[in-house]
Amino acid sequence: MSELLARASRALGLETVDSFPPGHAYARTRWNKAYFDIASDLKPDAIETTLCEAIANTPLVFGEIVNPTPRMQRALLAVIEQRLRRGHGAPLDLAQLLVVAYRSAHTVETVPGLRRAILDASMYEPQVQASAVLAFLADAPAAFGVIEAHD
C-alpha cells in the first residue's frame, strides 16, 4: 500500500527530485534539492530548462550540480561571457565552478579542449586554475558556444 502511495505521489509531482530519471542520457547528473525545487512530474527537458534558468539567474548554484549537462554548462558560460563583456573583472568564482565540475570524468566536455586545459592547470592554486580556464575560453575558436556563420 505504501509503495502504491509513493508512486502516486511521484506521478502527481508531489515529491522533489534530485536527478533525471533512470535511463536518461544524463542520469548521472545530480543536484542539491535544497537549492532546486524540481517536481517529480516534470519531463527531463523541463527539468533541464528549470536548472538552466536557475543558473542564469543565480550562477553560483551551478556548484550544487554534479556532472552538469552540456546545456547547464552553456548557461554558466553565457553568464561568464556576459560578465566579461560588461567589464566587471574576471569571474574567477564562476570559472572555478567549471574546474570543480570537470573533476568528474562523467562531466561531458562542452567546449572541446576544456578538460585538457583544466588538467594542465591542476597543479596550481584555484585562482590560477580559474584564470587559465578563462584564458582558454577566450582563445577557444568558438568561445562560449557562439557559432560564427560562414557563407
N, C-alpha and C. Protein backbone atom coordinates (compact mmCIF):
# COMPACT_ATOMS: atom_id res chain seq x y z
N MET A 1 0.82 -1.19 0.00
CA MET A 1 0.00 0.00 0.00
C MET A 1 0.86 1.26 0.00
N SER A 2 1.92 1.27 0.82
CA SER A 2 2.76 2.48 0.89
C SER A 2 3.55 2.66 -0.41
N GLU A 3 3.91 1.57 -1.09
CA GLU A 3 4.61 1.68 -2.37
C GLU A 3 3.70 2.30 -3.42
N LEU A 4 2.44 1.93 -3.42
CA LEU A 4 1.47 2.49 -4.34
C LEU A 4 1.28 3.98 -4.07
N LEU A 5 1.22 4.34 -2.82
CA LEU A 5 1.08 5.75 -2.44
C LEU A 5 2.32 6.54 -2.86
N ALA A 6 3.50 5.96 -2.71
CA ALA A 6 4.74 6.64 -3.10
C ALA A 6 4.78 6.87 -4.62
N ARG A 7 4.37 5.86 -5.40
CA ARG A 7 4.34 6.01 -6.87
C ARG A 7 3.34 7.08 -7.27
N ALA A 8 2.19 7.10 -6.65
CA ALA A 8 1.18 8.11 -6.96
C ALA A 8 1.68 9.50 -6.61
N SER A 9 2.36 9.61 -5.50
CA SER A 9 2.92 10.89 -5.07
C SER A 9 3.93 11.42 -6.09
N ARG A 10 4.81 10.53 -6.57
CA ARG A 10 5.79 10.93 -7.59
C ARG A 10 5.10 11.33 -8.89
N ALA A 11 4.13 10.54 -9.31
CA ALA A 11 3.42 10.80 -10.57
C ALA A 11 2.67 12.13 -10.54
N LEU A 12 2.18 12.50 -9.39
CA LEU A 12 1.44 13.75 -9.25
C LEU A 12 2.35 14.96 -9.04
N GLY A 13 3.65 14.73 -8.94
CA GLY A 13 4.58 15.84 -8.76
C GLY A 13 4.64 16.36 -7.34
N LEU A 14 4.27 15.54 -6.40
CA LEU A 14 4.26 15.98 -5.01
C LEU A 14 5.63 15.81 -4.34
N GLU A 15 6.55 15.18 -5.02
CA GLU A 15 7.90 14.98 -4.48
C GLU A 15 8.88 15.85 -5.26
N THR A 16 10.03 16.08 -4.66
CA THR A 16 11.11 16.83 -5.31
C THR A 16 12.18 15.84 -5.73
N VAL A 17 12.63 15.96 -6.98
CA VAL A 17 13.65 15.05 -7.49
C VAL A 17 15.02 15.72 -7.48
N ASP A 18 16.06 14.89 -7.46
CA ASP A 18 17.43 15.41 -7.47
C ASP A 18 18.26 14.82 -8.61
N SER A 19 17.58 14.21 -9.58
CA SER A 19 18.29 13.64 -10.74
C SER A 19 17.29 13.41 -11.85
N PHE A 20 17.83 13.18 -13.04
CA PHE A 20 16.98 12.79 -14.17
C PHE A 20 16.54 11.35 -13.94
N PRO A 21 15.49 10.93 -14.63
CA PRO A 21 15.02 9.55 -14.44
C PRO A 21 16.05 8.53 -14.90
N PRO A 22 16.01 7.33 -14.33
CA PRO A 22 16.93 6.27 -14.76
C PRO A 22 16.80 6.05 -16.27
N GLY A 23 17.94 5.81 -16.92
CA GLY A 23 17.95 5.58 -18.35
C GLY A 23 18.09 6.85 -19.17
N HIS A 24 17.96 8.02 -18.55
CA HIS A 24 18.13 9.29 -19.25
C HIS A 24 19.60 9.45 -19.64
N ALA A 25 19.85 10.17 -20.71
CA ALA A 25 21.22 10.36 -21.20
C ALA A 25 22.13 10.96 -20.12
N TYR A 26 21.58 11.78 -19.24
CA TYR A 26 22.38 12.40 -18.18
C TYR A 26 21.92 11.93 -16.80
N ALA A 27 21.69 10.64 -16.69
CA ALA A 27 21.21 10.07 -15.42
C ALA A 27 22.21 10.27 -14.28
N ARG A 28 23.48 10.52 -14.60
CA ARG A 28 24.48 10.74 -13.55
C ARG A 28 24.45 12.18 -13.00
N THR A 29 23.73 13.05 -13.67
CA THR A 29 23.61 14.43 -13.21
C THR A 29 22.75 14.46 -11.95
N ARG A 30 23.26 15.12 -10.93
CA ARG A 30 22.54 15.26 -9.66
C ARG A 30 22.58 16.72 -9.23
N TRP A 31 21.58 17.13 -8.48
CA TRP A 31 21.55 18.47 -7.93
C TRP A 31 21.05 18.43 -6.50
N ASN A 32 21.42 19.45 -5.77
CA ASN A 32 21.05 19.56 -4.37
C ASN A 32 19.60 20.05 -4.28
N LYS A 33 18.72 19.21 -3.74
CA LYS A 33 17.29 19.55 -3.65
C LYS A 33 17.05 20.79 -2.80
N ALA A 34 17.97 21.12 -1.93
CA ALA A 34 17.81 22.31 -1.11
C ALA A 34 17.86 23.59 -1.95
N TYR A 35 18.48 23.53 -3.12
CA TYR A 35 18.63 24.70 -3.98
C TYR A 35 17.68 24.69 -5.17
N PHE A 36 17.17 23.53 -5.52
CA PHE A 36 16.31 23.39 -6.69
C PHE A 36 15.06 22.62 -6.31
N ASP A 37 13.91 23.24 -6.47
CA ASP A 37 12.64 22.59 -6.16
C ASP A 37 12.06 22.07 -7.48
N ILE A 38 12.43 20.84 -7.83
CA ILE A 38 12.03 20.24 -9.09
C ILE A 38 10.96 19.18 -8.81
N ALA A 39 9.76 19.42 -9.28
CA ALA A 39 8.66 18.48 -9.05
C ALA A 39 8.89 17.19 -9.81
N SER A 40 8.50 16.09 -9.20
CA SER A 40 8.76 14.76 -9.77
C SER A 40 7.97 14.48 -11.04
N ASP A 41 6.97 15.28 -11.36
CA ASP A 41 6.19 15.02 -12.57
C ASP A 41 6.70 15.78 -13.79
N LEU A 42 7.77 16.54 -13.65
CA LEU A 42 8.33 17.27 -14.79
C LEU A 42 9.06 16.33 -15.74
N LYS A 43 8.95 16.62 -17.01
CA LYS A 43 9.68 15.87 -18.04
C LYS A 43 11.15 16.31 -18.00
N PRO A 44 12.08 15.46 -18.47
CA PRO A 44 13.51 15.79 -18.42
C PRO A 44 13.86 17.14 -19.07
N ASP A 45 13.25 17.47 -20.21
CA ASP A 45 13.55 18.77 -20.84
C ASP A 45 13.15 19.94 -19.95
N ALA A 46 12.01 19.80 -19.30
CA ALA A 46 11.54 20.86 -18.39
C ALA A 46 12.44 20.96 -17.17
N ILE A 47 12.92 19.82 -16.70
CA ILE A 47 13.85 19.82 -15.57
C ILE A 47 15.11 20.58 -15.95
N GLU A 48 15.67 20.24 -17.10
CA GLU A 48 16.91 20.89 -17.54
C GLU A 48 16.70 22.38 -17.77
N THR A 49 15.57 22.75 -18.34
CA THR A 49 15.26 24.16 -18.55
C THR A 49 15.19 24.90 -17.22
N THR A 50 14.55 24.30 -16.23
CA THR A 50 14.44 24.90 -14.90
C THR A 50 15.82 25.11 -14.28
N LEU A 51 16.68 24.09 -14.39
CA LEU A 51 18.03 24.20 -13.83
C LEU A 51 18.83 25.27 -14.56
N CYS A 52 18.72 25.33 -15.89
CA CYS A 52 19.45 26.34 -16.66
C CYS A 52 18.99 27.75 -16.33
N GLU A 53 17.70 27.93 -16.12
CA GLU A 53 17.17 29.24 -15.73
C GLU A 53 17.72 29.64 -14.36
N ALA A 54 17.80 28.68 -13.46
CA ALA A 54 18.35 28.97 -12.13
C ALA A 54 19.81 29.39 -12.24
N ILE A 55 20.57 28.72 -13.10
CA ILE A 55 21.99 29.07 -13.31
C ILE A 55 22.09 30.48 -13.89
N ALA A 56 21.25 30.79 -14.86
CA ALA A 56 21.28 32.12 -15.48
C ALA A 56 20.96 33.22 -14.47
N ASN A 57 20.05 32.94 -13.54
CA ASN A 57 19.64 33.93 -12.54
C ASN A 57 20.56 34.00 -11.34
N THR A 58 21.10 32.85 -10.93
CA THR A 58 21.96 32.77 -9.75
C THR A 58 23.08 31.78 -10.08
N PRO A 59 24.10 32.22 -10.81
CA PRO A 59 25.10 31.29 -11.34
C PRO A 59 25.85 30.45 -10.31
N LEU A 60 25.94 30.91 -9.08
CA LEU A 60 26.66 30.13 -8.09
C LEU A 60 25.97 28.81 -7.74
N VAL A 61 24.68 28.66 -8.09
CA VAL A 61 24.01 27.38 -7.85
C VAL A 61 24.57 26.29 -8.75
N PHE A 62 25.32 26.65 -9.77
CA PHE A 62 25.98 25.66 -10.62
C PHE A 62 26.84 24.74 -9.76
N GLY A 63 27.40 25.26 -8.69
CA GLY A 63 28.23 24.48 -7.78
C GLY A 63 27.45 23.42 -7.02
N GLU A 64 26.14 23.47 -7.08
CA GLU A 64 25.29 22.49 -6.40
C GLU A 64 24.84 21.38 -7.35
N ILE A 65 25.47 21.32 -8.53
CA ILE A 65 25.13 20.31 -9.53
C ILE A 65 26.35 19.43 -9.77
N VAL A 66 26.16 18.13 -9.73
CA VAL A 66 27.22 17.17 -10.01
C VAL A 66 27.01 16.66 -11.43
N ASN A 67 28.06 16.62 -12.21
CA ASN A 67 28.01 16.19 -13.61
C ASN A 67 27.00 17.01 -14.42
N PRO A 68 27.16 18.33 -14.45
CA PRO A 68 26.21 19.17 -15.19
C PRO A 68 26.18 18.81 -16.68
N THR A 69 25.00 18.91 -17.25
CA THR A 69 24.82 18.61 -18.67
C THR A 69 25.50 19.71 -19.51
N PRO A 70 25.75 19.44 -20.77
CA PRO A 70 26.31 20.50 -21.63
C PRO A 70 25.45 21.76 -21.65
N ARG A 71 24.15 21.61 -21.65
CA ARG A 71 23.27 22.78 -21.65
C ARG A 71 23.43 23.60 -20.37
N MET A 72 23.59 22.94 -19.25
CA MET A 72 23.81 23.64 -17.98
C MET A 72 25.15 24.38 -18.01
N GLN A 73 26.15 23.72 -18.58
CA GLN A 73 27.46 24.36 -18.70
C GLN A 73 27.37 25.59 -19.60
N ARG A 74 26.63 25.47 -20.70
CA ARG A 74 26.49 26.62 -21.60
C ARG A 74 25.78 27.77 -20.91
N ALA A 75 24.85 27.46 -20.02
CA ALA A 75 24.17 28.52 -19.25
C ALA A 75 25.18 29.27 -18.39
N LEU A 76 26.08 28.53 -17.75
CA LEU A 76 27.12 29.16 -16.94
C LEU A 76 28.09 29.94 -17.83
N LEU A 77 28.47 29.36 -18.96
CA LEU A 77 29.39 30.03 -19.88
C LEU A 77 28.79 31.34 -20.39
N ALA A 78 27.48 31.37 -20.60
CA ALA A 78 26.82 32.60 -21.04
C ALA A 78 26.92 33.68 -19.98
N VAL A 79 26.79 33.30 -18.72
CA VAL A 79 26.92 34.28 -17.63
C VAL A 79 28.37 34.78 -17.55
N ILE A 80 29.33 33.87 -17.70
CA ILE A 80 30.74 34.26 -17.69
C ILE A 80 31.01 35.26 -18.81
N GLU A 81 30.53 34.93 -20.01
CA GLU A 81 30.74 35.82 -21.16
C GLU A 81 30.11 37.19 -20.92
N GLN A 82 28.91 37.19 -20.38
CA GLN A 82 28.20 38.44 -20.10
C GLN A 82 28.99 39.30 -19.11
N ARG A 83 29.51 38.69 -18.07
CA ARG A 83 30.28 39.45 -17.07
C ARG A 83 31.57 39.99 -17.67
N LEU A 84 32.21 39.21 -18.52
CA LEU A 84 33.43 39.69 -19.17
C LEU A 84 33.14 40.87 -20.09
N ARG A 85 32.04 40.82 -20.81
CA ARG A 85 31.66 41.91 -21.72
C ARG A 85 31.34 43.19 -20.97
N ARG A 86 30.77 43.05 -19.80
CA ARG A 86 30.41 44.23 -19.00
C ARG A 86 31.63 44.86 -18.33
N GLY A 87 32.74 44.14 -18.34
CA GLY A 87 33.96 44.68 -17.76
C GLY A 87 33.96 44.73 -16.25
N HIS A 88 33.26 43.80 -15.61
CA HIS A 88 33.22 43.76 -14.15
C HIS A 88 34.35 42.93 -13.56
N GLY A 89 35.41 42.75 -14.32
CA GLY A 89 36.51 41.91 -13.85
C GLY A 89 36.28 40.47 -14.23
N ALA A 90 37.31 39.69 -14.07
CA ALA A 90 37.24 38.28 -14.43
C ALA A 90 36.38 37.52 -13.42
N PRO A 91 35.40 36.77 -13.89
CA PRO A 91 34.54 35.98 -12.99
C PRO A 91 35.23 34.69 -12.55
N LEU A 92 36.28 34.86 -11.77
CA LEU A 92 37.06 33.70 -11.33
C LEU A 92 36.23 32.71 -10.52
N ASP A 93 35.28 33.23 -9.76
CA ASP A 93 34.44 32.34 -8.96
C ASP A 93 33.63 31.39 -9.86
N LEU A 94 33.16 31.89 -10.98
CA LEU A 94 32.38 31.06 -11.89
C LEU A 94 33.27 30.09 -12.66
N ALA A 95 34.44 30.55 -13.05
CA ALA A 95 35.38 29.66 -13.74
C ALA A 95 35.80 28.53 -12.81
N GLN A 96 35.95 28.82 -11.52
CA GLN A 96 36.32 27.79 -10.56
C GLN A 96 35.22 26.72 -10.45
N LEU A 97 33.98 27.12 -10.63
CA LEU A 97 32.89 26.14 -10.62
C LEU A 97 33.04 25.14 -11.76
N LEU A 98 33.49 25.61 -12.91
CA LEU A 98 33.76 24.70 -14.03
C LEU A 98 34.89 23.74 -13.69
N VAL A 99 35.94 24.26 -13.06
CA VAL A 99 37.07 23.42 -12.67
C VAL A 99 36.59 22.29 -11.77
N VAL A 100 35.79 22.62 -10.80
CA VAL A 100 35.27 21.61 -9.87
C VAL A 100 34.39 20.60 -10.61
N ALA A 101 33.54 21.07 -11.50
CA ALA A 101 32.65 20.17 -12.25
C ALA A 101 33.43 19.18 -13.09
N TYR A 102 34.56 19.62 -13.64
CA TYR A 102 35.34 18.76 -14.52
C TYR A 102 36.25 17.79 -13.76
N ARG A 103 36.22 17.83 -12.47
CA ARG A 103 36.95 16.81 -11.70
C ARG A 103 36.33 15.44 -11.88
N SER A 104 35.06 15.42 -12.25
CA SER A 104 34.37 14.17 -12.51
C SER A 104 34.57 13.77 -13.97
N ALA A 105 34.96 12.54 -14.17
CA ALA A 105 35.12 12.03 -15.54
C ALA A 105 33.77 11.90 -16.24
N HIS A 106 32.68 11.99 -15.50
CA HIS A 106 31.34 11.84 -16.07
C HIS A 106 30.76 13.17 -16.55
N THR A 107 31.46 14.26 -16.32
CA THR A 107 31.01 15.55 -16.84
C THR A 107 31.37 15.61 -18.31
N VAL A 108 30.37 15.78 -19.15
CA VAL A 108 30.58 15.82 -20.60
C VAL A 108 31.23 17.15 -20.97
N GLU A 109 32.29 17.07 -21.77
CA GLU A 109 33.02 18.27 -22.19
C GLU A 109 32.19 19.08 -23.18
N THR A 110 31.91 20.32 -22.84
CA THR A 110 31.09 21.19 -23.68
C THR A 110 31.92 21.93 -24.71
N VAL A 111 33.05 22.48 -24.29
CA VAL A 111 33.95 23.19 -25.18
C VAL A 111 35.15 22.27 -25.43
N PRO A 112 35.37 21.88 -26.69
CA PRO A 112 36.49 20.98 -26.98
C PRO A 112 37.81 21.51 -26.43
N GLY A 113 38.50 20.67 -25.68
CA GLY A 113 39.79 21.04 -25.10
C GLY A 113 39.71 21.60 -23.68
N LEU A 114 38.51 21.85 -23.20
CA LEU A 114 38.36 22.44 -21.85
C LEU A 114 38.88 21.50 -20.78
N ARG A 115 38.58 20.22 -20.90
CA ARG A 115 39.06 19.26 -19.89
C ARG A 115 40.58 19.26 -19.85
N ARG A 116 41.22 19.27 -21.01
CA ARG A 116 42.69 19.27 -21.08
C ARG A 116 43.25 20.56 -20.46
N ALA A 117 42.63 21.69 -20.73
CA ALA A 117 43.08 22.96 -20.16
C ALA A 117 42.98 22.93 -18.63
N ILE A 118 41.92 22.33 -18.13
CA ILE A 118 41.75 22.22 -16.67
C ILE A 118 42.80 21.29 -16.09
N LEU A 119 43.03 20.17 -16.74
CA LEU A 119 44.06 19.22 -16.27
C LEU A 119 45.45 19.84 -16.30
N ASP A 120 45.74 20.60 -17.34
CA ASP A 120 47.05 21.24 -17.46
C ASP A 120 47.33 22.24 -16.34
N ALA A 121 46.28 22.83 -15.79
CA ALA A 121 46.45 23.82 -14.72
C ALA A 121 46.18 23.24 -13.34
N SER A 122 45.95 21.95 -13.25
CA SER A 122 45.52 21.33 -12.00
C SER A 122 46.53 21.42 -10.86
N MET A 123 47.81 21.63 -11.18
CA MET A 123 48.81 21.69 -10.12
C MET A 123 48.91 23.07 -9.47
N TYR A 124 48.18 24.02 -10.00
CA TYR A 124 48.23 25.39 -9.49
C TYR A 124 47.11 25.66 -8.49
N GLU A 125 47.21 26.80 -7.83
CA GLU A 125 46.19 27.22 -6.88
C GLU A 125 44.87 27.48 -7.61
N PRO A 126 43.74 27.41 -6.90
CA PRO A 126 42.43 27.59 -7.53
C PRO A 126 42.29 28.88 -8.35
N GLN A 127 42.82 29.99 -7.86
CA GLN A 127 42.72 31.25 -8.60
C GLN A 127 43.44 31.17 -9.93
N VAL A 128 44.60 30.53 -9.94
CA VAL A 128 45.38 30.38 -11.16
C VAL A 128 44.67 29.42 -12.12
N GLN A 129 44.08 28.36 -11.57
CA GLN A 129 43.31 27.42 -12.40
C GLN A 129 42.15 28.15 -13.08
N ALA A 130 41.44 28.94 -12.32
CA ALA A 130 40.29 29.68 -12.87
C ALA A 130 40.74 30.67 -13.95
N SER A 131 41.87 31.33 -13.71
CA SER A 131 42.40 32.26 -14.72
C SER A 131 42.79 31.52 -15.99
N ALA A 132 43.35 30.34 -15.84
CA ALA A 132 43.73 29.53 -17.00
C ALA A 132 42.49 29.11 -17.79
N VAL A 133 41.42 28.78 -17.10
CA VAL A 133 40.17 28.41 -17.77
C VAL A 133 39.62 29.60 -18.55
N LEU A 134 39.63 30.78 -17.92
CA LEU A 134 39.14 31.97 -18.62
C LEU A 134 39.99 32.29 -19.84
N ALA A 135 41.30 32.13 -19.72
CA ALA A 135 42.19 32.37 -20.86
C ALA A 135 41.91 31.37 -21.98
N PHE A 136 41.71 30.11 -21.61
CA PHE A 136 41.39 29.10 -22.60
C PHE A 136 40.09 29.44 -23.32
N LEU A 137 39.07 29.80 -22.56
CA LEU A 137 37.77 30.11 -23.16
C LEU A 137 37.86 31.32 -24.09
N ALA A 138 38.66 32.30 -23.71
CA ALA A 138 38.83 33.48 -24.56
C ALA A 138 39.50 33.14 -25.88
N ASP A 139 40.38 32.14 -25.86
CA ASP A 139 41.11 31.73 -27.07
C ASP A 139 40.41 30.63 -27.85
N ALA A 140 39.35 30.04 -27.30
CA ALA A 140 38.66 28.95 -27.98
C ALA A 140 38.11 29.45 -29.31
N PRO A 141 38.21 28.63 -30.37
CA PRO A 141 37.76 29.06 -31.69
C PRO A 141 36.33 29.60 -31.71
N ALA A 142 35.43 28.95 -31.02
CA ALA A 142 34.05 29.42 -30.92
C ALA A 142 33.75 29.59 -29.43
N ALA A 143 34.37 30.60 -28.86
CA ALA A 143 34.30 30.81 -27.41
C ALA A 143 32.86 30.83 -26.92
N PHE A 144 32.63 30.09 -25.83
CA PHE A 144 31.35 30.07 -25.14
C PHE A 144 30.21 29.55 -26.00
N GLY A 145 30.52 28.76 -27.02
CA GLY A 145 29.47 28.14 -27.82
C GLY A 145 28.88 29.04 -28.88
N VAL A 146 29.45 30.22 -29.09
CA VAL A 146 28.95 31.11 -30.12
C VAL A 146 29.45 30.59 -31.47
N ILE A 147 28.54 30.35 -32.36
CA ILE A 147 28.91 29.80 -33.66
C ILE A 147 28.91 30.93 -34.69
N GLU A 148 29.99 31.04 -35.40
CA GLU A 148 30.10 32.07 -36.43
C GLU A 148 29.54 31.51 -37.74
N ALA A 149 28.72 32.29 -38.40
CA ALA A 149 28.15 31.86 -39.68
C ALA A 149 29.14 32.13 -40.80
N HIS A 150 29.30 31.17 -41.68
CA HIS A 150 30.18 31.32 -42.83
C HIS A 150 29.35 31.12 -44.09
N ASP A 151 29.62 31.92 -45.10
CA ASP A 151 28.90 31.77 -46.38
C ASP A 151 29.53 30.70 -47.23
